[in-house]
């Protein structure tokens, strides 16, 4: 799966889970999801769970923080870096 595919999937998940029925025109890949209230602490838990399940990442064994989930670009980079690390 390419980073473009991952970013598109994450975008779709965020829209469906956190923004259902809202205007998503501003949701670019660098849009700050946390500062703009799209993802709160419970949303962060949901996002981490989704990523762990879908991308088969052992999130309970990985070091991460809110900055890794601040934007679609950050989430995509987190998935890519940890997927490559597990494959190595």
PDB file of N, CA and C in Angstrom:
ATOM      1  N   UNK A   1       0.843  -1.170   0.000  1.00  0.00           N
ATOM      2  CA  UNK A   1       0.000   0.000   0.000  1.00  0.00           C
ATOM      3  C   UNK A   1       0.895   1.243   0.000  1.00  0.00           C
ATOM      4  N   UNK A   2       0.625   2.167  -0.888  1.00  0.00           N
ATOM      5  CA  UNK A   2       1.441   3.380  -0.988  1.00  0.00           C
ATOM      6  C   UNK A   2       1.017   4.400   0.062  1.00  0.00           C
ATOM      7  N   UNK A   3       1.875   5.393   0.265  1.00  0.00           N
ATOM      8  CA  UNK A   3       1.530   6.442   1.225  1.00  0.00           C
ATOM      9  C   UNK A   3       0.303   7.231   0.753  1.00  0.00           C
ATOM     10  N   UNK A   4       0.121   7.340  -0.548  1.00  0.00           N
ATOM     11  CA  UNK A   4      -1.068   8.013  -1.081  1.00  0.00           C
ATOM     12  C   UNK A   4      -2.325   7.227  -0.727  1.00  0.00           C
ATOM     13  N   UNK A   5      -2.254   5.891  -0.843  1.00  0.00           N
ATOM     14  CA  UNK A   5      -3.383   5.036  -0.475  1.00  0.00           C
ATOM     15  C   UNK A   5      -3.682   5.136   1.016  1.00  0.00           C
ATOM     16  N   UNK A   6      -2.626   5.141   1.823  1.00  0.00           N
ATOM     17  CA  UNK A   6      -2.794   5.234   3.277  1.00  0.00           C
ATOM     18  C   UNK A   6      -3.439   6.573   3.627  1.00  0.00           C
ATOM     19  N   UNK A   7      -2.940   7.665   3.053  1.00  0.00           N
ATOM     20  CA  UNK A   7      -3.491   8.991   3.328  1.00  0.00           C
ATOM     21  C   UNK A   7      -4.965   9.056   2.933  1.00  0.00           C
ATOM     22  N   UNK A   8      -5.314   8.475   1.802  1.00  0.00           N
ATOM     23  CA  UNK A   8      -6.712   8.479   1.351  1.00  0.00           C
ATOM     24  C   UNK A   8      -7.588   7.685   2.316  1.00  0.00           C
ATOM     25  N   UNK A   9      -7.101   6.549   2.775  1.00  0.00           N
ATOM     26  CA  UNK A   9      -7.873   5.729   3.724  1.00  0.00           C
ATOM     27  C   UNK A   9      -8.051   6.468   5.040  1.00  0.00           C
ATOM     28  N   UNK A  10      -6.997   7.100   5.542  1.00  0.00           N
ATOM     29  CA  UNK A  10      -7.074   7.843   6.794  1.00  0.00           C
ATOM     30  C   UNK A  10      -8.053   9.006   6.646  1.00  0.00           C
ATOM     31  N   UNK A  11      -7.992   9.705   5.519  1.00  0.00           N
ATOM     32  CA  UNK A  11      -8.926  10.802   5.245  1.00  0.00           C
ATOM     33  C   UNK A  11     -10.364  10.296   5.301  1.00  0.00           C
ATOM     34  N   UNK A  12     -10.643   9.197   4.623  1.00  0.00           N
ATOM     35  CA  UNK A  12     -11.991   8.619   4.607  1.00  0.00           C
ATOM     36  C   UNK A  12     -12.432   8.220   6.009  1.00  0.00           C
ATOM     37  N   UNK A  13     -11.532   7.616   6.786  1.00  0.00           N
ATOM     38  CA  UNK A  13     -11.864   7.199   8.147  1.00  0.00           C
ATOM     39  C   UNK A  13     -12.207   8.414   9.016  1.00  0.00           C
ATOM     40  N   UNK A  14     -11.414   9.462   8.924  1.00  0.00           N
ATOM     41  CA  UNK A  14     -11.653  10.670   9.721  1.00  0.00           C
ATOM     42  C   UNK A  14     -12.995  11.294   9.354  1.00  0.00           C
ATOM     43  N   UNK A  15     -13.266  11.401   8.075  1.00  0.00           N
ATOM     44  CA  UNK A  15     -14.534  11.980   7.632  1.00  0.00           C
ATOM     45  C   UNK A  15     -15.706  11.140   8.141  1.00  0.00           C
ATOM     46  N   UNK A  16     -15.643   9.831   7.979  1.00  0.00           N
ATOM     47  CA  UNK A  16     -16.742   8.957   8.375  1.00  0.00           C
ATOM     48  C   UNK A  16     -16.910   8.884   9.890  1.00  0.00           C
ATOM     49  N   UNK A  17     -15.805   8.900  10.624  1.00  0.00           N
ATOM     50  CA  UNK A  17     -15.865   8.693  12.064  1.00  0.00           C
ATOM     51  C   UNK A  17     -16.049   9.975  12.863  1.00  0.00           C
ATOM     52  N   UNK A  18     -15.367  11.029  12.461  1.00  0.00           N
ATOM     53  CA  UNK A  18     -15.346  12.244  13.267  1.00  0.00           C
ATOM     54  C   UNK A  18     -16.078  13.430  12.645  1.00  0.00           C
ATOM     55  N   UNK A  19     -16.320  13.405  11.348  1.00  0.00           N
ATOM     56  CA  UNK A  19     -16.901  14.557  10.665  1.00  0.00           C
ATOM     57  C   UNK A  19     -18.146  14.208   9.862  1.00  0.00           C
ATOM     58  N   UNK A  20     -18.796  13.140  10.185  1.00  0.00           N
ATOM     59  CA  UNK A  20     -19.950  12.688   9.422  1.00  0.00           C
ATOM     60  C   UNK A  20     -20.981  13.808   9.276  1.00  0.00           C
ATOM     61  N   UNK A  21     -21.254  14.190   8.054  1.00  0.00           N
ATOM     62  CA  UNK A  21     -22.240  15.216   7.773  1.00  0.00           C
ATOM     63  C   UNK A  21     -21.727  16.640   7.845  1.00  0.00           C
ATOM     64  N   UNK A  22     -20.464  16.826   8.212  1.00  0.00           N
ATOM     65  CA  UNK A  22     -19.903  18.173   8.305  1.00  0.00           C
ATOM     66  C   UNK A  22     -19.147  18.529   7.026  1.00  0.00           C
ATOM     67  N   UNK A  23     -18.904  19.800   6.845  1.00  0.00           N
ATOM     68  CA  UNK A  23     -18.140  20.278   5.704  1.00  0.00           C
ATOM     69  C   UNK A  23     -16.678  19.886   5.885  1.00  0.00           C
ATOM     70  N   UNK A  24     -16.117  19.171   4.944  1.00  0.00           N
ATOM     71  CA  UNK A  24     -14.750  18.664   5.042  1.00  0.00           C
ATOM     72  C   UNK A  24     -13.805  19.368   4.075  1.00  0.00           C
ATOM     73  N   UNK A  25     -14.205  20.508   3.568  1.00  0.00           N
ATOM     74  CA  UNK A  25     -13.403  21.218   2.570  1.00  0.00           C
ATOM     75  C   UNK A  25     -12.023  21.604   3.099  1.00  0.00           C
ATOM     76  N   UNK A  26     -11.914  21.887   4.397  1.00  0.00           N
ATOM     77  CA  UNK A  26     -10.632  22.308   4.976  1.00  0.00           C
ATOM     78  C   UNK A  26      -9.727  21.140   5.361  1.00  0.00           C
ATOM     79  N   UNK A  27     -10.196  19.921   5.230  1.00  0.00           N
ATOM     80  CA  UNK A  27      -9.441  18.751   5.698  1.00  0.00           C
ATOM     81  C   UNK A  27      -8.347  18.371   4.699  1.00  0.00           C
ATOM     82  N   UNK A  28      -7.271  19.161   4.722  1.00  0.00           N
ATOM     83  CA  UNK A  28      -6.107  18.866   3.899  1.00  0.00           C
ATOM     84  C   UNK A  28      -5.193  17.933   4.683  1.00  0.00           C
ATOM     85  N   UNK A  29      -4.151  17.466   4.051  1.00  0.00           N
ATOM     86  CA  UNK A  29      -3.253  16.513   4.709  1.00  0.00           C
ATOM     87  C   UNK A  29      -2.436  17.135   5.835  1.00  0.00           C
ATOM     88  N   UNK A  30      -2.332  18.460   5.862  1.00  0.00           N
ATOM     89  CA  UNK A  30      -1.590  19.110   6.940  1.00  0.00           C
ATOM     90  C   UNK A  30      -2.504  19.844   7.926  1.00  0.00           C
ATOM     91  N   UNK A  31      -3.809  19.665   7.802  1.00  0.00           N
ATOM     92  CA  UNK A  31      -4.784  20.275   8.709  1.00  0.00           C
ATOM     93  C   UNK A  31      -4.576  19.718  10.117  1.00  0.00           C
ATOM     94  N   UNK A  32      -4.469  20.593  11.111  1.00  0.00           N
ATOM     95  CA  UNK A  32      -4.208  20.170  12.492  1.00  0.00           C
ATOM     96  C   UNK A  32      -5.481  19.604  13.111  1.00  0.00           C
ATOM     97  N   UNK A  33      -5.555  18.293  13.176  1.00  0.00           N
ATOM     98  CA  UNK A  33      -6.747  17.598  13.662  1.00  0.00           C
ATOM     99  C   UNK A  33      -6.996  17.820  15.147  1.00  0.00           C
ATOM    100  N   UNK A  34      -5.931  17.940  15.917  1.00  0.00           N
ATOM    101  CA  UNK A  34      -6.064  18.098  17.365  1.00  0.00           C
ATOM    102  C   UNK A  34      -6.413  19.546  17.719  1.00  0.00           C
ATOM    103  N   UNK A  35      -5.635  20.489  17.224  1.00  0.00           N
ATOM    104  CA  UNK A  35      -5.865  21.907  17.535  1.00  0.00           C
ATOM    105  C   UNK A  35      -7.232  22.381  17.058  1.00  0.00           C
ATOM    106  N   UNK A  36      -7.729  21.797  15.974  1.00  0.00           N
ATOM    107  CA  UNK A  36      -9.024  22.204  15.431  1.00  0.00           C
ATOM    108  C   UNK A  36     -10.193  21.374  15.964  1.00  0.00           C
ATOM    109  N   UNK A  37      -9.933  20.515  16.941  1.00  0.00           N
ATOM    110  CA  UNK A  37     -10.997  19.790  17.620  1.00  0.00           C
ATOM    111  C   UNK A  37     -11.605  18.628  16.862  1.00  0.00           C
ATOM    112  N   UNK A  38     -10.960  18.196  15.796  1.00  0.00           N
ATOM    113  CA  UNK A  38     -11.484  17.037  15.060  1.00  0.00           C
ATOM    114  C   UNK A  38     -11.256  15.771  15.869  1.00  0.00           C
ATOM    115  N   UNK A  39     -10.056  15.643  16.426  1.00  0.00           N
ATOM    116  CA  UNK A  39      -9.716  14.479  17.242  1.00  0.00           C
ATOM    117  C   UNK A  39      -9.421  14.952  18.660  1.00  0.00           C
ATOM    118  N   UNK A  40     -10.169  14.412  19.631  1.00  0.00           N
ATOM    119  CA  UNK A  40      -9.914  14.692  21.033  1.00  0.00           C
ATOM    120  C   UNK A  40      -9.246  13.456  21.638  1.00  0.00           C
ATOM    121  N   UNK A  41      -9.152  13.381  22.956  1.00  0.00           N
ATOM    122  CA  UNK A  41      -8.449  12.251  23.576  1.00  0.00           C
ATOM    123  C   UNK A  41      -9.129  10.921  23.271  1.00  0.00           C
ATOM    124  N   UNK A  42     -10.444  10.866  23.293  1.00  0.00           N
ATOM    125  CA  UNK A  42     -11.147   9.628  22.942  1.00  0.00           C
ATOM    126  C   UNK A  42     -10.963   9.317  21.464  1.00  0.00           C
ATOM    127  N   UNK A  43     -10.998  10.337  20.633  1.00  0.00           N
ATOM    128  CA  UNK A  43     -10.766  10.156  19.204  1.00  0.00           C
ATOM    129  C   UNK A  43      -9.375   9.641  18.918  1.00  0.00           C
ATOM    130  N   UNK A  44      -8.408  10.093  19.702  1.00  0.00           N
ATOM    131  CA  UNK A  44      -7.032   9.609  19.549  1.00  0.00           C
ATOM    132  C   UNK A  44      -6.959   8.115  19.835  1.00  0.00           C
ATOM    133  N   UNK A  45      -7.652   7.673  20.871  1.00  0.00           N
ATOM    134  CA  UNK A  45      -7.702   6.241  21.189  1.00  0.00           C
ATOM    135  C   UNK A  45      -8.348   5.460  20.055  1.00  0.00           C
ATOM    136  N   UNK A  46      -9.433   6.000  19.512  1.00  0.00           N
ATOM    137  CA  UNK A  46     -10.108   5.335  18.390  1.00  0.00           C
ATOM    138  C   UNK A  46      -9.208   5.253  17.166  1.00  0.00           C
ATOM    139  N   UNK A  47      -8.480   6.344  16.894  1.00  0.00           N
ATOM    140  CA  UNK A  47      -7.575   6.374  15.741  1.00  0.00           C
ATOM    141  C   UNK A  47      -6.449   5.359  15.914  1.00  0.00           C
ATOM    142  N   UNK A  48      -5.858   5.311  17.089  1.00  0.00           N
ATOM    143  CA  UNK A  48      -4.777   4.365  17.359  1.00  0.00           C
ATOM    144  C   UNK A  48      -5.281   2.932  17.195  1.00  0.00           C
ATOM    145  N   UNK A  49      -6.448   2.659  17.708  1.00  0.00           N
ATOM    146  CA  UNK A  49      -7.036   1.317  17.576  1.00  0.00           C
ATOM    147  C   UNK A  49      -7.280   0.967  16.110  1.00  0.00           C
ATOM    148  N   UNK A  50      -7.815   1.896  15.361  1.00  0.00           N
ATOM    149  CA  UNK A  50      -8.077   1.681  13.928  1.00  0.00           C
ATOM    150  C   UNK A  50      -6.782   1.376  13.179  1.00  0.00           C
ATOM    151  N   UNK A  51      -5.769   2.179  13.428  1.00  0.00           N
ATOM    152  CA  UNK A  51      -4.488   1.994  12.745  1.00  0.00           C
ATOM    153  C   UNK A  51      -3.862   0.650  13.113  1.00  0.00           C
ATOM    154  N   UNK A  52      -3.897   0.319  14.385  1.00  0.00           N
ATOM    155  CA  UNK A  52      -3.333  -0.962  14.815  1.00  0.00           C
ATOM    156  C   UNK A  52      -4.020  -2.137  14.144  1.00  0.00           C
ATOM    157  N   UNK A  53      -5.328  -2.061  14.093  1.00  0.00           N
ATOM    158  CA  UNK A  53      -6.112  -3.155  13.513  1.00  0.00           C
ATOM    159  C   UNK A  53      -5.926  -3.228  11.993  1.00  0.00           C
ATOM    160  N   UNK A  54      -6.099  -2.113  11.309  1.00  0.00           N
ATOM    161  CA  UNK A  54      -6.075  -2.115   9.848  1.00  0.00           C
ATOM    162  C   UNK A  54      -4.677  -2.360   9.278  1.00  0.00           C
ATOM    163  N   UNK A  55      -3.668  -1.758   9.897  1.00  0.00           N
ATOM    164  CA  UNK A  55      -2.308  -1.853   9.364  1.00  0.00           C
ATOM    165  C   UNK A  55      -1.452  -2.861  10.117  1.00  0.00           C
ATOM    166  N   UNK A  56      -2.092  -3.618  10.999  1.00  0.00           N
ATOM    167  CA  UNK A  56      -1.433  -4.692  11.758  1.00  0.00           C
ATOM    168  C   UNK A  56      -0.172  -4.196  12.460  1.00  0.00           C
ATOM    169  N   UNK A  57      -0.297  -3.051  13.117  1.00  0.00           N
ATOM    170  CA  UNK A  57       0.808  -2.488  13.889  1.00  0.00           C
ATOM    171  C   UNK A  57       0.582  -2.784  15.370  1.00  0.00           C
ATOM    172  N   UNK A  58       1.596  -3.250  16.056  1.00  0.00           N
ATOM    173  CA  UNK A  58       1.455  -3.521  17.494  1.00  0.00           C
ATOM    174  C   UNK A  58       1.553  -2.205  18.281  1.00  0.00           C
ATOM    175  N   UNK A  59       0.505  -1.396  18.214  1.00  0.00           N
ATOM    176  CA  UNK A  59       0.556  -0.044  18.765  1.00  0.00           C
ATOM    177  C   UNK A  59       0.870  -0.020  20.260  1.00  0.00           C
ATOM    178  N   UNK A  60       0.542  -1.076  20.971  1.00  0.00           N
ATOM    179  CA  UNK A  60       0.863  -1.110  22.404  1.00  0.00           C
ATOM    180  C   UNK A  60       2.364  -1.268  22.643  1.00  0.00           C
ATOM    181  N   UNK A  61       3.120  -1.604  21.612  1.00  0.00           N
ATOM    182  CA  UNK A  61       4.567  -1.768  21.731  1.00  0.00           C
ATOM    183  C   UNK A  61       5.341  -0.612  21.090  1.00  0.00           C
ATOM    184  N   UNK A  62       4.652   0.342  20.479  1.00  0.00           N
ATOM    185  CA  UNK A  62       5.300   1.438  19.763  1.00  0.00           C
ATOM    186  C   UNK A  62       5.310   2.709  20.597  1.00  0.00           C
ATOM    187  N   UNK A  63       6.362   3.499  20.424  1.00  0.00           N
ATOM    188  CA  UNK A  63       6.423   4.818  21.036  1.00  0.00           C
ATOM    189  C   UNK A  63       5.737   5.810  20.116  1.00  0.00           C
ATOM    190  N   UNK A  64       4.758   6.526  20.639  1.00  0.00           N
ATOM    191  CA  UNK A  64       4.081   7.559  19.859  1.00  0.00           C
ATOM    192  C   UNK A  64       3.441   8.558  20.813  1.00  0.00           C
ATOM    193  N   UNK A  65       3.103   9.691  20.263  1.00  0.00           N
ATOM    194  CA  UNK A  65       2.444  10.734  21.029  1.00  0.00           C
ATOM    195  C   UNK A  65       1.459  11.472  20.161  1.00  0.00           C
ATOM    196  N   UNK A  66       0.803  12.473  20.713  1.00  0.00           N
ATOM    197  CA  UNK A  66      -0.190  13.221  19.946  1.00  0.00           C
ATOM    198  C   UNK A  66       0.356  13.817  18.651  1.00  0.00           C
ATOM    199  N   UNK A  67       1.617  14.195  18.629  1.00  0.00           N
ATOM    200  CA  UNK A  67       2.198  14.784  17.412  1.00  0.00           C
ATOM    201  C   UNK A  67       2.137  13.806  16.239  1.00  0.00           C
ATOM    202  N   UNK A  68       2.174  12.503  16.514  1.00  0.00           N
ATOM    203  CA  UNK A  68       2.105  11.501  15.453  1.00  0.00           C
ATOM    204  C   UNK A  68       0.712  11.416  14.832  1.00  0.00           C
ATOM    205  N   UNK A  69      -0.270  12.051  15.478  1.00  0.00           N
ATOM    206  CA  UNK A  69      -1.651  11.985  15.014  1.00  0.00           C
ATOM    207  C   UNK A  69      -2.237  13.379  14.789  1.00  0.00           C
ATOM    208  N   UNK A  70      -1.376  14.375  14.669  1.00  0.00           N
ATOM    209  CA  UNK A  70      -1.812  15.760  14.543  1.00  0.00           C
ATOM    210  C   UNK A  70      -2.426  16.053  13.170  1.00  0.00           C
ATOM    211  N   UNK A  71      -2.011  15.331  12.147  1.00  0.00           N
ATOM    212  CA  UNK A  71      -2.523  15.568  10.788  1.00  0.00           C
ATOM    213  C   UNK A  71      -2.545  14.257  10.018  1.00  0.00           C
ATOM    214  N   UNK A  72      -3.203  14.272   8.885  1.00  0.00           N
ATOM    215  CA  UNK A  72      -3.219  13.085   8.036  1.00  0.00           C
ATOM    216  C   UNK A  72      -1.800  12.767   7.581  1.00  0.00           C
ATOM    217  N   UNK A  73      -1.019  13.795   7.270  1.00  0.00           N
ATOM    218  CA  UNK A  73       0.374  13.581   6.862  1.00  0.00           C
ATOM    219  C   UNK A  73       1.176  12.928   7.983  1.00  0.00           C
ATOM    220  N   UNK A  74       0.983  13.370   9.222  1.00  0.00           N
ATOM    221  CA  UNK A  74       1.709  12.792  10.361  1.00  0.00           C
ATOM    222  C   UNK A  74       1.290  11.342  10.595  1.00  0.00           C
ATOM    223  N   UNK A  75       0.013  11.066  10.488  1.00  0.00           N
ATOM    224  CA  UNK A  75      -0.480   9.691  10.674  1.00  0.00           C
ATOM    225  C   UNK A  75       0.082   8.788   9.585  1.00  0.00           C
ATOM    226  N   UNK A  76       0.069   9.263   8.353  1.00  0.00           N
ATOM    227  CA  UNK A  76       0.607   8.495   7.231  1.00  0.00           C
ATOM    228  C   UNK A  76       2.089   8.202   7.440  1.00  0.00           C
ATOM    229  N   UNK A  77       2.847   9.200   7.877  1.00  0.00           N
ATOM    230  CA  UNK A  77       4.284   9.014   8.146  1.00  0.00           C
ATOM    231  C   UNK A  77       4.495   8.016   9.274  1.00  0.00           C
ATOM    232  N   UNK A  78       3.690   8.091  10.319  1.00  0.00           N
ATOM    233  CA  UNK A  78       3.779   7.156  11.450  1.00  0.00           C
ATOM    234  C   UNK A  78       3.551   5.722  10.981  1.00  0.00           C
ATOM    235  N   UNK A  79       2.516   5.515  10.196  1.00  0.00           N
ATOM    236  CA  UNK A  79       2.211   4.175   9.686  1.00  0.00           C
ATOM    237  C   UNK A  79       3.355   3.684   8.801  1.00  0.00           C
ATOM    238  N   UNK A  80       3.812   4.527   7.884  1.00  0.00           N
ATOM    239  CA  UNK A  80       4.885   4.138   6.971  1.00  0.00           C
ATOM    240  C   UNK A  80       6.162   3.787   7.708  1.00  0.00           C
ATOM    241  N   UNK A  81       6.571   4.612   8.655  1.00  0.00           N
ATOM    242  CA  UNK A  81       7.811   4.376   9.393  1.00  0.00           C
ATOM    243  C   UNK A  81       7.739   3.095  10.210  1.00  0.00           C
ATOM    244  N   UNK A  82       6.607   2.869  10.852  1.00  0.00           N
ATOM    245  CA  UNK A  82       6.494   1.684  11.696  1.00  0.00           C
ATOM    246  C   UNK A  82       6.251   0.421  10.887  1.00  0.00           C
ATOM    247  N   UNK A  83       5.621   0.530   9.757  1.00  0.00           N
ATOM    248  CA  UNK A  83       5.447  -0.632   8.876  1.00  0.00           C
ATOM    249  C   UNK A  83       6.790  -1.086   8.324  1.00  0.00           C
ATOM    250  N   UNK A  84       7.630  -0.108   7.920  1.00  0.00           N
ATOM    251  CA  UNK A  84       8.966  -0.435   7.411  1.00  0.00           C
ATOM    252  C   UNK A  84       9.829  -1.021   8.512  1.00  0.00           C
ATOM    253  N   UNK A  85       9.718  -0.489   9.725  1.00  0.00           N
ATOM    254  CA  UNK A  85      10.535  -0.989  10.843  1.00  0.00           C
ATOM    255  C   UNK A  85      10.167  -2.435  11.170  1.00  0.00           C
ATOM    256  N   UNK A  86       8.898  -2.754  11.092  1.00  0.00           N
ATOM    257  CA  UNK A  86       8.470  -4.130  11.383  1.00  0.00           C
ATOM    258  C   UNK A  86       8.879  -5.091  10.274  1.00  0.00           C
ATOM    259  N   UNK A  87       8.913  -4.599   9.035  1.00  0.00           N
ATOM    260  CA  UNK A  87       9.280  -5.433   7.895  1.00  0.00           C
ATOM    261  C   UNK A  87      10.769  -5.727   7.860  1.00  0.00           C
ATOM    262  N   UNK A  88      11.558  -4.875   8.489  1.00  0.00           N
ATOM    263  CA  UNK A  88      13.028  -5.033   8.442  1.00  0.00           C
ATOM    264  C   UNK A  88      13.510  -6.165   9.339  1.00  0.00           C
TER     265      UNK A  88
END
